[in-house]
Amino acid sequence: MGALPKRKVSRHRRGNRRQHQRLDAPTLVVCPNCGKLMRAHRVCQACGTYKGRQVIQVADNTDK
């Protein structure tokens, strides 16, 4: 038979053990080119630039 707990683990003690498993919101930075919020170290989805140069072509959403 395997190891069994000696006594009940309280909700506080259980929560302290699991506190690193929480979900965190992604860190957002301001794009230096267009000023929109974007994830750090990734291509801006609004303007398509990364580190000051155009990486992808972004289609304009100016439909009438």
N, C-alpha and C. Protein backbone atom coordinates (compact mmCIF):
# COMPACT_ATOMS: atom_id res chain seq x y z
N MET A 1 0.84 -1.17 0.00
CA MET A 1 0.00 0.00 0.00
C MET A 1 0.89 1.24 0.00
N GLY A 2 0.46 2.28 -0.72
CA GLY A 2 1.26 3.49 -0.83
C GLY A 2 1.17 4.37 0.40
N ALA A 3 1.85 5.46 0.36
CA ALA A 3 1.87 6.40 1.47
C ALA A 3 0.52 7.12 1.56
N LEU A 4 0.03 7.30 2.79
CA LEU A 4 -1.23 7.97 3.03
C LEU A 4 -0.98 9.20 3.91
N PRO A 5 -1.80 10.24 3.77
CA PRO A 5 -1.61 11.41 4.61
C PRO A 5 -1.94 11.12 6.06
N LYS A 6 -1.16 11.69 6.96
CA LYS A 6 -1.35 11.48 8.39
C LYS A 6 -2.59 12.22 8.88
N ARG A 7 -2.82 13.45 8.32
CA ARG A 7 -3.99 14.22 8.71
C ARG A 7 -4.42 15.10 7.54
N LYS A 8 -5.59 15.70 7.69
CA LYS A 8 -6.17 16.53 6.62
C LYS A 8 -5.30 17.76 6.36
N VAL A 9 -5.13 18.11 5.08
CA VAL A 9 -4.42 19.32 4.68
C VAL A 9 -5.45 20.43 4.54
N SER A 10 -5.24 21.54 5.25
CA SER A 10 -6.21 22.63 5.23
C SER A 10 -6.23 23.31 3.86
N ARG A 11 -7.29 24.05 3.61
CA ARG A 11 -7.42 24.75 2.33
C ARG A 11 -6.31 25.79 2.17
N HIS A 12 -5.93 26.42 3.26
CA HIS A 12 -4.86 27.43 3.20
C HIS A 12 -3.52 26.79 2.84
N ARG A 13 -3.21 25.70 3.48
CA ARG A 13 -1.94 25.02 3.20
C ARG A 13 -1.92 24.44 1.79
N ARG A 14 -3.04 23.91 1.35
CA ARG A 14 -3.16 23.38 -0.01
C ARG A 14 -3.02 24.51 -1.03
N GLY A 15 -3.65 25.67 -0.75
CA GLY A 15 -3.57 26.80 -1.66
C GLY A 15 -2.16 27.37 -1.74
N ASN A 16 -1.45 27.39 -0.61
CA ASN A 16 -0.07 27.87 -0.62
C ASN A 16 0.81 26.97 -1.48
N ARG A 17 0.55 25.70 -1.48
CA ARG A 17 1.34 24.78 -2.28
C ARG A 17 1.07 24.96 -3.77
N ARG A 18 -0.14 25.38 -4.11
CA ARG A 18 -0.54 25.49 -5.52
C ARG A 18 -0.50 26.91 -6.05
N GLN A 19 0.04 27.85 -5.29
CA GLN A 19 -0.07 29.25 -5.70
C GLN A 19 0.72 29.58 -6.95
N HIS A 20 1.70 28.79 -7.33
CA HIS A 20 2.47 29.06 -8.55
C HIS A 20 1.76 28.54 -9.79
N GLN A 21 0.63 27.85 -9.65
CA GLN A 21 -0.08 27.28 -10.79
C GLN A 21 -1.15 28.22 -11.34
N ARG A 22 -1.23 29.43 -10.82
CA ARG A 22 -2.26 30.35 -11.26
C ARG A 22 -1.98 30.85 -12.68
N LEU A 23 -3.00 31.36 -13.32
CA LEU A 23 -2.86 31.96 -14.64
C LEU A 23 -2.55 33.44 -14.49
N ASP A 24 -1.60 33.94 -15.24
CA ASP A 24 -1.24 35.34 -15.20
C ASP A 24 -1.64 35.99 -16.52
N ALA A 25 -2.02 37.24 -16.45
CA ALA A 25 -2.33 37.99 -17.65
C ALA A 25 -1.05 38.25 -18.42
N PRO A 26 -1.11 38.22 -19.75
CA PRO A 26 0.11 38.47 -20.52
C PRO A 26 0.59 39.91 -20.33
N THR A 27 1.91 40.07 -20.33
CA THR A 27 2.50 41.40 -20.18
C THR A 27 2.42 42.13 -21.51
N LEU A 28 1.84 43.33 -21.48
CA LEU A 28 1.66 44.11 -22.69
C LEU A 28 2.55 45.34 -22.64
N VAL A 29 3.10 45.71 -23.79
CA VAL A 29 3.91 46.91 -23.94
C VAL A 29 3.32 47.73 -25.08
N VAL A 30 3.70 48.98 -25.14
CA VAL A 30 3.22 49.88 -26.20
C VAL A 30 4.12 49.74 -27.41
N CYS A 31 3.53 49.56 -28.58
CA CYS A 31 4.29 49.47 -29.83
C CYS A 31 4.92 50.83 -30.12
N PRO A 32 6.23 50.87 -30.37
CA PRO A 32 6.87 52.17 -30.65
C PRO A 32 6.47 52.75 -31.99
N ASN A 33 5.93 51.94 -32.90
CA ASN A 33 5.58 52.41 -34.23
C ASN A 33 4.16 52.98 -34.28
N CYS A 34 3.19 52.21 -33.78
CA CYS A 34 1.79 52.65 -33.90
C CYS A 34 1.15 53.02 -32.58
N GLY A 35 1.75 52.65 -31.45
CA GLY A 35 1.22 53.03 -30.15
C GLY A 35 0.18 52.10 -29.57
N LYS A 36 -0.11 50.99 -30.24
CA LYS A 36 -1.08 50.03 -29.72
C LYS A 36 -0.39 49.09 -28.74
N LEU A 37 -1.20 48.41 -27.91
CA LEU A 37 -0.66 47.43 -26.98
C LEU A 37 -0.34 46.15 -27.71
N MET A 38 0.81 45.54 -27.35
CA MET A 38 1.24 44.31 -27.99
C MET A 38 2.02 43.48 -26.98
N ARG A 39 2.17 42.18 -27.24
CA ARG A 39 2.98 41.33 -26.39
C ARG A 39 4.45 41.67 -26.60
N ALA A 40 5.24 41.58 -25.55
CA ALA A 40 6.66 41.91 -25.63
C ALA A 40 7.40 40.88 -26.48
N HIS A 41 8.37 41.30 -27.25
CA HIS A 41 9.24 40.45 -28.09
C HIS A 41 8.45 39.69 -29.14
N ARG A 42 7.40 40.29 -29.66
CA ARG A 42 6.61 39.66 -30.72
C ARG A 42 6.25 40.71 -31.76
N VAL A 43 5.83 40.28 -32.93
CA VAL A 43 5.45 41.19 -34.00
C VAL A 43 4.14 41.87 -33.61
N CYS A 44 4.06 43.16 -33.84
CA CYS A 44 2.84 43.91 -33.57
C CYS A 44 1.79 43.47 -34.58
N GLN A 45 0.62 43.06 -34.08
CA GLN A 45 -0.44 42.61 -34.98
C GLN A 45 -1.16 43.77 -35.66
N ALA A 46 -1.02 44.97 -35.12
CA ALA A 46 -1.71 46.12 -35.70
C ALA A 46 -0.95 46.68 -36.90
N CYS A 47 0.38 46.80 -36.78
CA CYS A 47 1.15 47.42 -37.88
C CYS A 47 2.14 46.46 -38.53
N GLY A 48 2.45 45.34 -37.91
CA GLY A 48 3.32 44.33 -38.53
C GLY A 48 4.80 44.61 -38.40
N THR A 49 5.21 45.44 -37.45
CA THR A 49 6.63 45.74 -37.29
C THR A 49 7.21 45.01 -36.10
N TYR A 50 8.52 44.79 -36.16
CA TYR A 50 9.27 44.19 -35.05
C TYR A 50 10.66 44.80 -35.05
N LYS A 51 11.05 45.38 -33.93
CA LYS A 51 12.34 46.04 -33.77
C LYS A 51 12.59 47.08 -34.86
N GLY A 52 11.57 47.86 -35.19
CA GLY A 52 11.72 48.98 -36.11
C GLY A 52 11.67 48.63 -37.59
N ARG A 53 11.45 47.39 -37.95
CA ARG A 53 11.36 47.06 -39.38
C ARG A 53 10.08 46.29 -39.67
N GLN A 54 9.58 46.44 -40.89
CA GLN A 54 8.34 45.80 -41.32
C GLN A 54 8.59 44.31 -41.54
N VAL A 55 7.84 43.47 -40.84
CA VAL A 55 8.04 42.03 -40.92
C VAL A 55 6.91 41.36 -41.69
N ILE A 56 5.67 41.76 -41.41
CA ILE A 56 4.52 41.19 -42.11
C ILE A 56 3.68 42.32 -42.68
N GLN A 57 2.94 42.01 -43.73
CA GLN A 57 2.02 42.97 -44.32
C GLN A 57 0.67 42.81 -43.65
N VAL A 58 0.12 43.90 -43.15
CA VAL A 58 -1.16 43.87 -42.47
C VAL A 58 -2.18 44.52 -43.39
N ALA A 59 -3.30 43.81 -43.62
CA ALA A 59 -4.36 44.35 -44.48
C ALA A 59 -5.13 45.41 -43.73
N ASP A 60 -5.48 46.49 -44.43
CA ASP A 60 -6.28 47.56 -43.83
C ASP A 60 -7.73 47.11 -43.71
N ASN A 61 -8.34 47.38 -42.55
CA ASN A 61 -9.73 47.01 -42.32
C ASN A 61 -10.62 48.23 -42.46
N THR A 62 -10.50 48.96 -43.58
CA THR A 62 -11.30 50.14 -43.82
C THR A 62 -12.39 49.82 -44.83
N ASP A 63 -13.24 48.85 -44.49
CA ASP A 63 -14.36 48.48 -45.37
C ASP A 63 -15.48 49.49 -45.20
N LYS A 64 -16.18 49.75 -46.31
CA LYS A 64 -17.31 50.69 -46.25
C LYS A 64 -18.59 49.96 -46.03
